[in-house]
PDB file of N, CA and C in Angstrom:
ATOM      1  N   MET A   1      62.691  20.774 -23.544  1.00  0.00           N
ATOM      2  CA  MET A   1      62.209  20.176 -24.771  1.00  0.00           C
ATOM      3  C   MET A   1      62.828  18.785 -24.894  1.00  0.00           C
ATOM      4  N   VAL A   2      62.023  17.835 -25.335  1.00  0.00           N
ATOM      5  CA  VAL A   2      62.473  16.450 -25.435  1.00  0.00           C
ATOM      6  C   VAL A   2      62.636  16.105 -26.898  1.00  0.00           C
ATOM      7  N   ASN A   3      63.808  15.631 -27.276  1.00  0.00           N
ATOM      8  CA  ASN A   3      64.076  15.214 -28.655  1.00  0.00           C
ATOM      9  C   ASN A   3      63.888  13.718 -28.766  1.00  0.00           C
ATOM     10  N   THR A   4      63.237  13.271 -29.825  1.00  0.00           N
ATOM     11  CA  THR A   4      63.045  11.837 -30.041  1.00  0.00           C
ATOM     12  C   THR A   4      63.755  11.438 -31.331  1.00  0.00           C
ATOM     13  N   TYR A   5      64.393  10.302 -31.295  1.00  0.00           N
ATOM     14  CA  TYR A   5      65.080   9.757 -32.453  1.00  0.00           C
ATOM     15  C   TYR A   5      64.658   8.308 -32.618  1.00  0.00           C
ATOM     16  N   VAL A   6      64.334   7.911 -33.843  1.00  0.00           N
ATOM     17  CA  VAL A   6      63.940   6.534 -34.110  1.00  0.00           C
ATOM     18  C   VAL A   6      65.137   5.822 -34.721  1.00  0.00           C
ATOM     19  N   LEU A   7      65.677   4.849 -33.996  1.00  0.00           N
ATOM     20  CA  LEU A   7      66.841   4.114 -34.471  1.00  0.00           C
ATOM     21  C   LEU A   7      66.459   2.707 -34.904  1.00  0.00           C
ATOM     22  N   SER A   8      65.817   1.972 -34.054  1.00  0.00           N
ATOM     23  CA  SER A   8      65.311   0.652 -34.390  1.00  0.00           C
ATOM     24  C   SER A   8      64.154   0.355 -33.444  1.00  0.00           C
ATOM     25  N   MET A   9      63.511  -0.747 -33.624  1.00  0.00           N
ATOM     26  CA  MET A   9      62.324  -1.050 -32.828  1.00  0.00           C
ATOM     27  C   MET A   9      62.663  -1.203 -31.346  1.00  0.00           C
ATOM     28  N   GLU A  10      63.750  -1.880 -31.011  1.00  0.00           N
ATOM     29  CA  GLU A  10      64.102  -2.088 -29.616  1.00  0.00           C
ATOM     30  C   GLU A  10      64.539  -0.775 -28.964  1.00  0.00           C
ATOM     31  N   GLU A  11      65.352  -0.024 -29.661  1.00  0.00           N
ATOM     32  CA  GLU A  11      65.827   1.239 -29.119  1.00  0.00           C
ATOM     33  C   GLU A  11      64.698   2.266 -29.038  1.00  0.00           C
ATOM     34  N   ASN A  12      63.749   2.175 -29.958  1.00  0.00           N
ATOM     35  CA  ASN A  12      62.620   3.094 -29.957  1.00  0.00           C
ATOM     36  C   ASN A  12      61.787   2.909 -28.687  1.00  0.00           C
ATOM     37  N   THR A  13      61.549   1.679 -28.289  1.00  0.00           N
ATOM     38  CA  THR A  13      60.811   1.405 -27.068  1.00  0.00           C
ATOM     39  C   THR A  13      61.555   1.956 -25.856  1.00  0.00           C
ATOM     40  N   PHE A  14      62.861   1.771 -25.846  1.00  0.00           N
ATOM     41  CA  PHE A  14      63.675   2.277 -24.754  1.00  0.00           C
ATOM     42  C   PHE A  14      63.603   3.805 -24.679  1.00  0.00           C
ATOM     43  N   LEU A  15      63.682   4.457 -25.832  1.00  0.00           N
ATOM     44  CA  LEU A  15      63.618   5.916 -25.866  1.00  0.00           C
ATOM     45  C   LEU A  15      62.262   6.435 -25.398  1.00  0.00           C
ATOM     46  N   VAL A  16      61.205   5.766 -25.818  1.00  0.00           N
ATOM     47  CA  VAL A  16      59.866   6.205 -25.412  1.00  0.00           C
ATOM     48  C   VAL A  16      59.715   6.111 -23.904  1.00  0.00           C
ATOM     49  N   LEU A  17      60.197   5.055 -23.294  1.00  0.00           N
ATOM     50  CA  LEU A  17      60.115   4.922 -21.845  1.00  0.00           C
ATOM     51  C   LEU A  17      60.930   6.003 -21.147  1.00  0.00           C
ATOM     52  N   ASN A  18      62.115   6.325 -21.672  1.00  0.00           N
ATOM     53  CA  ASN A  18      62.926   7.385 -21.076  1.00  0.00           C
ATOM     54  C   ASN A  18      62.259   8.752 -21.232  1.00  0.00           C
ATOM     55  N   ILE A  19      61.632   8.981 -22.364  1.00  0.00           N
ATOM     56  CA  ILE A  19      60.936  10.259 -22.583  1.00  0.00           C
ATOM     57  C   ILE A  19      59.781  10.404 -21.606  1.00  0.00           C
ATOM     58  N   ILE A  20      59.042   9.340 -21.385  1.00  0.00           N
ATOM     59  CA  ILE A  20      57.922   9.380 -20.430  1.00  0.00           C
ATOM     60  C   ILE A  20      58.436   9.684 -19.034  1.00  0.00           C
ATOM     61  N   LYS A  21      59.551   9.075 -18.639  1.00  0.00           N
ATOM     62  CA  LYS A  21      60.130   9.356 -17.322  1.00  0.00           C
ATOM     63  C   LYS A  21      60.559  10.816 -17.204  1.00  0.00           C
ATOM     64  N   GLN A  22      61.154  11.365 -18.274  1.00  0.00           N
ATOM     65  CA  GLN A  22      61.585  12.764 -18.248  1.00  0.00           C
ATOM     66  C   GLN A  22      60.395  13.707 -18.127  1.00  0.00           C
ATOM     67  N   ILE A  23      59.332  13.410 -18.840  1.00  0.00           N
ATOM     68  CA  ILE A  23      58.136  14.257 -18.778  1.00  0.00           C
ATOM     69  C   ILE A  23      57.524  14.200 -17.387  1.00  0.00           C
ATOM     70  N   GLU A  24      57.477  13.035 -16.759  1.00  0.00           N
ATOM     71  CA  GLU A  24      56.937  12.922 -15.410  1.00  0.00           C
ATOM     72  C   GLU A  24      57.778  13.697 -14.403  1.00  0.00           C
ATOM     73  N   LYS A  25      59.101  13.746 -14.597  1.00  0.00           N
ATOM     74  CA  LYS A  25      59.960  14.522 -13.707  1.00  0.00           C
ATOM     75  C   LYS A  25      59.698  16.014 -13.853  1.00  0.00           C
ATOM     76  N   GLN A  26      59.353  16.467 -15.067  1.00  0.00           N
ATOM     77  CA  GLN A  26      59.157  17.884 -15.324  1.00  0.00           C
ATOM     78  C   GLN A  26      57.799  18.394 -14.841  1.00  0.00           C
ATOM     79  N   ARG A  27      56.849  17.512 -14.639  1.00  0.00           N
ATOM     80  CA  ARG A  27      55.523  17.931 -14.192  1.00  0.00           C
ATOM     81  C   ARG A  27      55.608  18.499 -12.787  1.00  0.00           C
ATOM     82  N   VAL A  28      54.938  19.590 -12.592  1.00  0.00           N
ATOM     83  CA  VAL A  28      54.891  20.214 -11.277  1.00  0.00           C
ATOM     84  C   VAL A  28      53.617  19.726 -10.599  1.00  0.00           C
ATOM     85  N   LYS A  29      53.780  19.104  -9.470  1.00  0.00           N
ATOM     86  CA  LYS A  29      52.629  18.597  -8.736  1.00  0.00           C
ATOM     87  C   LYS A  29      52.270  19.603  -7.660  1.00  0.00           C
ATOM     88  N   VAL A  30      51.102  20.191  -7.791  1.00  0.00           N
ATOM     89  CA  VAL A  30      50.650  21.203  -6.849  1.00  0.00           C
ATOM     90  C   VAL A  30      49.766  20.534  -5.810  1.00  0.00           C
ATOM     91  N   ILE A  31      50.139  20.689  -4.570  1.00  0.00           N
ATOM     92  CA  ILE A  31      49.346  20.137  -3.481  1.00  0.00           C
ATOM     93  C   ILE A  31      48.772  21.307  -2.696  1.00  0.00           C
ATOM     94  N   MET A  32      47.462  21.400  -2.673  1.00  0.00           N
ATOM     95  CA  MET A  32      46.824  22.486  -1.940  1.00  0.00           C
ATOM     96  C   MET A  32      46.589  22.042  -0.507  1.00  0.00           C
ATOM     97  N   THR A  33      46.875  22.922   0.410  1.00  0.00           N
ATOM     98  CA  THR A  33      46.698  22.637   1.818  1.00  0.00           C
ATOM     99  C   THR A  33      45.218  22.675   2.161  1.00  0.00           C
ATOM    100  N   LYS A  34      44.762  21.674   2.898  1.00  0.00           N
ATOM    101  CA  LYS A  34      43.371  21.655   3.346  1.00  0.00           C
ATOM    102  C   LYS A  34      43.311  22.214   4.757  1.00  0.00           C
ATOM    103  N   PHE A  35      42.346  23.087   4.981  1.00  0.00           N
ATOM    104  CA  PHE A  35      42.168  23.678   6.295  1.00  0.00           C
ATOM    105  C   PHE A  35      40.842  23.194   6.865  1.00  0.00           C
ATOM    106  N   ASN A  36      40.798  22.985   8.173  1.00  0.00           N
ATOM    107  CA  ASN A  36      39.531  22.578   8.765  1.00  0.00           C
ATOM    108  C   ASN A  36      38.622  23.794   8.921  1.00  0.00           C
ATOM    109  N   ASN A  37      37.350  23.545   9.096  1.00  0.00           N
ATOM    110  CA  ASN A  37      36.358  24.619   9.112  1.00  0.00           C
ATOM    111  C   ASN A  37      36.539  25.571  10.285  1.00  0.00           C
ATOM    112  N   ASP A  38      36.987  25.059  11.423  1.00  0.00           N
ATOM    113  CA  ASP A  38      37.217  25.939  12.580  1.00  0.00           C
ATOM    114  C   ASP A  38      38.296  26.978  12.275  1.00  0.00           C
ATOM    115  N   PHE A  39      39.373  26.532  11.644  1.00  0.00           N
ATOM    116  CA  PHE A  39      40.455  27.454  11.292  1.00  0.00           C
ATOM    117  C   PHE A  39      39.983  28.479  10.263  1.00  0.00           C
ATOM    118  N   ILE A  40      39.203  28.034   9.285  1.00  0.00           N
ATOM    119  CA  ILE A  40      38.678  28.943   8.260  1.00  0.00           C
ATOM    120  C   ILE A  40      37.810  30.017   8.898  1.00  0.00           C
ATOM    121  N   GLU A  41      36.939  29.613   9.813  1.00  0.00           N
ATOM    122  CA  GLU A  41      36.069  30.587  10.477  1.00  0.00           C
ATOM    123  C   GLU A  41      36.871  31.549  11.340  1.00  0.00           C
ATOM    124  N   LYS A  42      37.932  31.036  11.992  1.00  0.00           N
ATOM    125  CA  LYS A  42      38.778  31.886  12.826  1.00  0.00           C
ATOM    126  C   LYS A  42      39.481  32.948  11.974  1.00  0.00           C
ATOM    127  N   VAL A  43      39.983  32.541  10.807  1.00  0.00           N
ATOM    128  CA  VAL A  43      40.666  33.475   9.909  1.00  0.00           C
ATOM    129  C   VAL A  43      39.688  34.517   9.376  1.00  0.00           C
ATOM    130  N   LYS A  44      38.500  34.072   8.958  1.00  0.00           N
ATOM    131  CA  LYS A  44      37.506  35.005   8.419  1.00  0.00           C
ATOM    132  C   LYS A  44      37.036  35.993   9.476  1.00  0.00           C
ATOM    133  N   ASP A  45      36.812  35.515  10.687  1.00  0.00           N
ATOM    134  CA  ASP A  45      36.384  36.422  11.760  1.00  0.00           C
ATOM    135  C   ASP A  45      37.473  37.455  12.072  1.00  0.00           C
ATOM    136  N   HIS A  46      38.717  37.003  12.114  1.00  0.00           N
ATOM    137  CA  HIS A  46      39.818  37.923  12.384  1.00  0.00           C
ATOM    138  C   HIS A  46      39.920  38.969  11.276  1.00  0.00           C
ATOM    139  N   TRP A  47      39.718  38.550  10.029  1.00  0.00           N
ATOM    140  CA  TRP A  47      39.763  39.473   8.895  1.00  0.00           C
ATOM    141  C   TRP A  47      38.624  40.488   8.982  1.00  0.00           C
ATOM    142  N   GLU A  48      37.413  40.019   9.280  1.00  0.00           N
ATOM    143  CA  GLU A  48      36.266  40.923   9.361  1.00  0.00           C
ATOM    144  C   GLU A  48      36.427  41.943  10.489  1.00  0.00           C
ATOM    145  N   LYS A  49      37.017  41.535  11.602  1.00  0.00           N
ATOM    146  CA  LYS A  49      37.201  42.452  12.726  1.00  0.00           C
ATOM    147  C   LYS A  49      38.260  43.511  12.444  1.00  0.00           C
ATOM    148  N   ASN A  50      39.304  43.140  11.730  1.00  0.00           N
ATOM    149  CA  ASN A  50      40.475  44.009  11.608  1.00  0.00           C
ATOM    150  C   ASN A  50      40.741  44.581  10.225  1.00  0.00           C
ATOM    151  N   LYS A  51      39.906  44.318   9.224  1.00  0.00           N
ATOM    152  CA  LYS A  51      40.316  44.612   7.857  1.00  0.00           C
ATOM    153  C   LYS A  51      40.541  46.084   7.533  1.00  0.00           C
ATOM    154  N   ASP A  52      39.899  47.019   8.160  1.00  0.00           N
ATOM    155  CA  ASP A  52      40.164  48.428   7.858  1.00  0.00           C
ATOM    156  C   ASP A  52      40.677  49.198   9.060  1.00  0.00           C
ATOM    157  N   THR A  53      41.210  48.495  10.035  1.00  0.00           N
ATOM    158  CA  THR A  53      41.747  49.177  11.210  1.00  0.00           C
ATOM    159  C   THR A  53      43.147  49.703  10.909  1.00  0.00           C
ATOM    160  N   ILE A  54      43.568  50.672  11.676  1.00  0.00           N
ATOM    161  CA  ILE A  54      44.876  51.274  11.482  1.00  0.00           C
ATOM    162  C   ILE A  54      45.862  50.637  12.468  1.00  0.00           C
ATOM    163  N   ASN A  55      46.966  50.123  11.940  1.00  0.00           N
ATOM    164  CA  ASN A  55      47.983  49.456  12.759  1.00  0.00           C
ATOM    165  C   ASN A  55      49.045  50.416  13.273  1.00  0.00           C
ATOM    166  N   GLY A  56      49.108  51.582  12.720  1.00  0.00           N
ATOM    167  CA  GLY A  56      50.127  52.533  13.142  1.00  0.00           C
ATOM    168  C   GLY A  56      50.425  53.488  12.010  1.00  0.00           C
ATOM    169  N   LYS A  57      51.539  54.147  12.111  1.00  0.00           N
ATOM    170  CA  LYS A  57      51.945  55.093  11.078  1.00  0.00           C
ATOM    171  C   LYS A  57      53.284  54.657  10.510  1.00  0.00           C
ATOM    172  N   LYS A  58      53.482  54.945   9.228  1.00  0.00           N
ATOM    173  CA  LYS A  58      54.769  54.656   8.609  1.00  0.00           C
ATOM    174  C   LYS A  58      55.213  55.869   7.807  1.00  0.00           C
ATOM    175  N   ILE A  59      56.502  56.011   7.669  1.00  0.00           N
ATOM    176  CA  ILE A  59      57.074  57.132   6.927  1.00  0.00           C
ATOM    177  C   ILE A  59      57.300  56.680   5.490  1.00  0.00           C
ATOM    178  N   VAL A  60      56.717  57.415   4.546  1.00  0.00           N
ATOM    179  CA  VAL A  60      56.841  57.077   3.129  1.00  0.00           C
ATOM    180  C   VAL A  60      57.344  58.292   2.374  1.00  0.00           C
ATOM    181  N   GLY A  61      57.712  58.082   1.141  1.00  0.00           N
ATOM    182  CA  GLY A  61      58.171  59.168   0.282  1.00  0.00           C
ATOM    183  C   GLY A  61      59.656  59.068   0.014  1.00  0.00           C
ATOM    184  N   ILE A  62      60.064  59.532  -1.153  1.00  0.00           N
ATOM    185  CA  ILE A  62      61.478  59.477  -1.521  1.00  0.00           C
ATOM    186  C   ILE A  62      62.138  60.835  -1.303  1.00  0.00           C
ATOM    187  N   HIS A  63      61.615  61.853  -1.969  1.00  0.00           N
ATOM    188  CA  HIS A  63      62.204  63.181  -1.855  1.00  0.00           C
ATOM    189  C   HIS A  63      61.612  63.964  -0.685  1.00  0.00           C
ATOM    190  N   LYS A  64      60.329  63.759  -0.491  1.00  0.00           N
ATOM    191  CA  LYS A  64      59.642  64.450   0.604  1.00  0.00           C
ATOM    192  C   LYS A  64      59.011  63.376   1.489  1.00  0.00           C
ATOM    193  N   GLU A  65      59.446  63.320   2.727  1.00  0.00           N
ATOM    194  CA  GLU A  65      58.931  62.299   3.626  1.00  0.00           C
ATOM    195  C   GLU A  65      57.667  62.791   4.320  1.00  0.00           C
ATOM    196  N   PHE A  66      56.690  61.912   4.432  1.00  0.00           N
ATOM    197  CA  PHE A  66      55.478  62.213   5.180  1.00  0.00           C
ATOM    198  C   PHE A  66      54.966  60.922   5.811  1.00  0.00           C
ATOM    199  N   THR A  67      54.119  61.051   6.798  1.00  0.00           N
ATOM    200  CA  THR A  67      53.602  59.871   7.499  1.00  0.00           C
ATOM    201  C   THR A  67      52.279  59.456   6.897  1.00  0.00           C
ATOM    202  N   LYS A  68      52.064  58.166   6.893  1.00  0.00           N
ATOM    203  CA  LYS A  68      50.857  57.594   6.317  1.00  0.00           C
ATOM    204  C   LYS A  68      50.347  56.533   7.276  1.00  0.00           C
ATOM    205  N   ASP A  69      49.035  56.414   7.407  1.00  0.00           N
ATOM    206  CA  ASP A  69      48.461  55.385   8.265  1.00  0.00           C
ATOM    207  C   ASP A  69      48.669  54.011   7.644  1.00  0.00           C
ATOM    208  N   LYS A  70      49.099  53.063   8.454  1.00  0.00           N
ATOM    209  CA  LYS A  70      49.303  51.689   7.992  1.00  0.00           C
ATOM    210  C   LYS A  70      48.065  50.882   8.354  1.00  0.00           C
ATOM    211  N   LYS A  71      47.361  50.406   7.338  1.00  0.00           N
ATOM    212  CA  LYS A  71      46.134  49.649   7.554  1.00  0.00           C
ATOM    213  C   LYS A  71      46.435  48.156   7.660  1.00  0.00           C
ATOM    214  N   PHE A  72      45.497  47.440   8.241  1.00  0.00           N
ATOM    215  CA  PHE A  72      45.585  45.977   8.346  1.00  0.00           C
ATOM    216  C   PHE A  72      45.338  45.403   6.961  1.00  0.00           C
ATOM    217  N   THR A  73      46.287  44.644   6.451  1.00  0.00           N
ATOM    218  CA  THR A  73      46.186  44.095   5.098  1.00  0.00           C
ATOM    219  C   THR A  73      46.186  42.571   5.137  1.00  0.00           C
ATOM    220  N   MET A  74      46.037  41.993   3.969  1.00  0.00           N
ATOM    221  CA  MET A  74      46.059  40.538   3.844  1.00  0.00           C
ATOM    222  C   MET A  74      47.420  39.974   4.251  1.00  0.00           C
ATOM    223  N   ASN A  75      48.485  40.731   4.027  1.00  0.00           N
ATOM    224  CA  ASN A  75      49.815  40.289   4.462  1.00  0.00           C
ATOM    225  C   ASN A  75      49.891  40.183   5.983  1.00  0.00           C
ATOM    226  N   ASP A  76      49.265  41.123   6.680  1.00  0.00           N
ATOM    227  CA  ASP A  76      49.235  41.071   8.142  1.00  0.00           C
ATOM    228  C   ASP A  76      48.447  39.853   8.624  1.00  0.00           C
ATOM    229  N   LEU A  77      47.351  39.559   7.940  1.00  0.00           N
ATOM    230  CA  LEU A  77      46.546  38.383   8.289  1.00  0.00           C
ATOM    231  C   LEU A  77      47.350  37.100   8.100  1.00  0.00           C
ATOM    232  N   ALA A  78      48.034  37.005   6.973  1.00  0.00           N
ATOM    233  CA  ALA A  78      48.844  35.816   6.691  1.00  0.00           C
ATOM    234  C   ALA A  78      49.968  35.671   7.709  1.00  0.00           C
ATOM    235  N   GLU A  79      50.586  36.773   8.080  1.00  0.00           N
ATOM    236  CA  GLU A  79      51.664  36.726   9.062  1.00  0.00           C
ATOM    237  C   GLU A  79      51.138  36.341  10.444  1.00  0.00           C
ATOM    238  N   TYR A  80      49.962  36.817  10.798  1.00  0.00           N
ATOM    239  CA  TYR A  80      49.379  36.522  12.098  1.00  0.00           C
ATOM    240  C   TYR A  80      49.097  35.028  12.263  1.00  0.00           C
ATOM    241  N   PHE A  81      48.565  34.390  11.201  1.00  0.00           N
ATOM    242  CA  PHE A  81      48.225  32.969  11.264  1.00  0.00           C
ATOM    243  C   PHE A  81      49.331  32.063  10.734  1.00  0.00           C
ATOM    244  N   ASN A  82      50.463  32.641  10.332  1.00  0.00           N
ATOM    245  CA  ASN A  82      51.608  31.880   9.838  1.00  0.00           C
ATOM    246  C   ASN A  82      51.248  31.042   8.607  1.00  0.00           C
ATOM    247  N   ILE A  83      50.571  31.672   7.664  1.00  0.00           N
ATOM    248  CA  ILE A  83      50.245  31.051   6.380  1.00  0.00           C
ATOM    249  C   ILE A  83      50.731  31.994   5.286  1.00  0.00           C
ATOM    250  N   THR A  84      50.682  31.543   4.039  1.00  0.00           N
ATOM    251  CA  THR A  84      51.128  32.400   2.941  1.00  0.00           C
ATOM    252  C   THR A  84      50.020  33.372   2.554  1.00  0.00           C
ATOM    253  N   PHE A  85      50.408  34.390   1.790  1.00  0.00           N
ATOM    254  CA  PHE A  85      49.453  35.383   1.308  1.00  0.00           C
ATOM    255  C   PHE A  85      48.368  34.726   0.458  1.00  0.00           C
ATOM    256  N   ALA A  86      48.771  33.808  -0.424  1.00  0.00           N
ATOM    257  CA  ALA A  86      47.813  33.140  -1.307  1.00  0.00           C
ATOM    258  C   ALA A  86      46.831  32.282  -0.510  1.00  0.00           C
ATOM    259  N   GLN A  87      47.310  31.617   0.528  1.00  0.00           N
ATOM    260  CA  GLN A  87      46.414  30.807   1.352  1.00  0.00           C
ATOM    261  C   GLN A  87      45.413  31.687   2.087  1.00  0.00           C
ATOM    262  N   ALA A  88      45.879  32.820   2.615  1.00  0.00           N
ATOM    263  CA  ALA A  88      44.976  33.732   3.314  1.00  0.00           C
ATOM    264  C   ALA A  88      43.919  34.272   2.361  1.00  0.00           C
ATOM    265  N   LYS A  89      44.338  34.639   1.173  1.00  0.00           N
ATOM    266  CA  LYS A  89      43.407  35.162   0.178  1.00  0.00           C
ATOM    267  C   LYS A  89      42.389  34.100  -0.229  1.00  0.00           C
ATOM    268  N   ARG A  90      42.862  32.869  -0.387  1.00  0.00           N
ATOM    269  CA  ARG A  90      41.965  31.775  -0.766  1.00  0.00           C
ATOM    270  C   ARG A  90      40.954  31.497   0.344  1.00  0.00           C
ATOM    271  N   ILE A  91      41.389  31.546   1.588  1.00  0.00           N
ATOM    272  CA  ILE A  91      40.475  31.295   2.706  1.00  0.00           C
ATOM    273  C   ILE A  91      39.423  32.391   2.795  1.00  0.00           C
ATOM    274  N   VAL A  92      39.835  33.646   2.668  1.00  0.00           N
ATOM    275  CA  VAL A  92      38.905  34.759   2.856  1.00  0.00           C
ATOM    276  C   VAL A  92      37.934  34.890   1.691  1.00  0.00           C
ATOM    277  N   TYR A  93      38.416  34.772   0.464  1.00  0.00           N
ATOM    278  CA  TYR A  93      37.567  35.068  -0.691  1.00  0.00           C
ATOM    279  C   TYR A  93      36.996  33.856  -1.404  1.00  0.00           C
ATOM    280  N   VAL A  94      37.611  32.680  -1.276  1.00  0.00           N
ATOM    281  CA  VAL A  94      37.166  31.524  -2.057  1.00  0.00           C
ATOM    282  C   VAL A  94      36.433  30.495  -1.216  1.00  0.00           C
ATOM    283  N   LYS A  95      36.966  30.165  -0.040  1.00  0.00           N
ATOM    284  CA  LYS A  95      36.370  29.119   0.781  1.00  0.00           C
ATOM    285  C   LYS A  95      34.976  29.526   1.241  1.00  0.00           C
ATOM    286  N   LYS A  96      34.043  28.629   1.089  1.00  0.00           N
ATOM    287  CA  LYS A  96      32.684  28.906   1.513  1.00  0.00           C
ATOM    288  C   LYS A  96      32.528  28.605   2.995  1.00  0.00           C
ATOM    289  N   GLY A  97      31.817  29.437   3.667  1.00  0.00           N
ATOM    290  CA  GLY A  97      31.578  29.284   5.085  1.00  0.00           C
ATOM    291  C   GLY A  97      30.348  30.098   5.454  1.00  0.00           C
ATOM    292  N   LYS A  98      30.209  30.429   6.696  1.00  0.00           N
ATOM    293  CA  LYS A  98      29.028  31.168   7.109  1.00  0.00           C
ATOM    294  C   LYS A  98      29.029  32.603   6.591  1.00  0.00           C
ATOM    295  N   LYS A  99      30.197  33.161   6.244  1.00  0.00           N
ATOM    296  CA  LYS A  99      30.279  34.525   5.747  1.00  0.00           C
ATOM    297  C   LYS A  99      30.019  34.619   4.257  1.00  0.00           C
ATOM    298  N   ASN A 100      30.325  33.559   3.501  1.00  0.00           N
ATOM    299  CA  ASN A 100      30.310  33.616   2.043  1.00  0.00           C
ATOM    300  C   ASN A 100      29.499  32.445   1.486  1.00  0.00           C
ATOM    301  N   ASP A 101      28.207  32.370   1.785  1.00  0.00           N
ATOM    302  CA  ASP A 101      27.379  31.229   1.403  1.00  0.00           C
ATOM    303  C   ASP A 101      26.694  31.389   0.059  1.00  0.00           C
ATOM    304  N   SER A 102      27.121  32.252  -0.784  1.00  0.00           N
ATOM    305  CA  SER A 102      26.427  32.463  -2.044  1.00  0.00           C
ATOM    306  C   SER A 102      26.736  31.397  -3.057  1.00  0.00           C
TER     307      SER A 102
END
């Protein structure tokens, strides 16, 4: 929170400039990564080929342990292409390409 105090005309101008600088420092600048179309198509094709395949088995449960099939998930896709989960999700569901031309 920024507090403003009016003391005199000269000091007021100085305070306003300092407040503007503080507000600019607090702004979060989000830069979205741009991907080329070849990479987008490669990610989408890999997702379509593997999205419901089974990667193996894992042991789950706290009191009673049992095995469960581990499916290919968005986290696996992101790890495979070395991108974040949000980027993988954005590429698969948001980016328009030959799979999602609606």
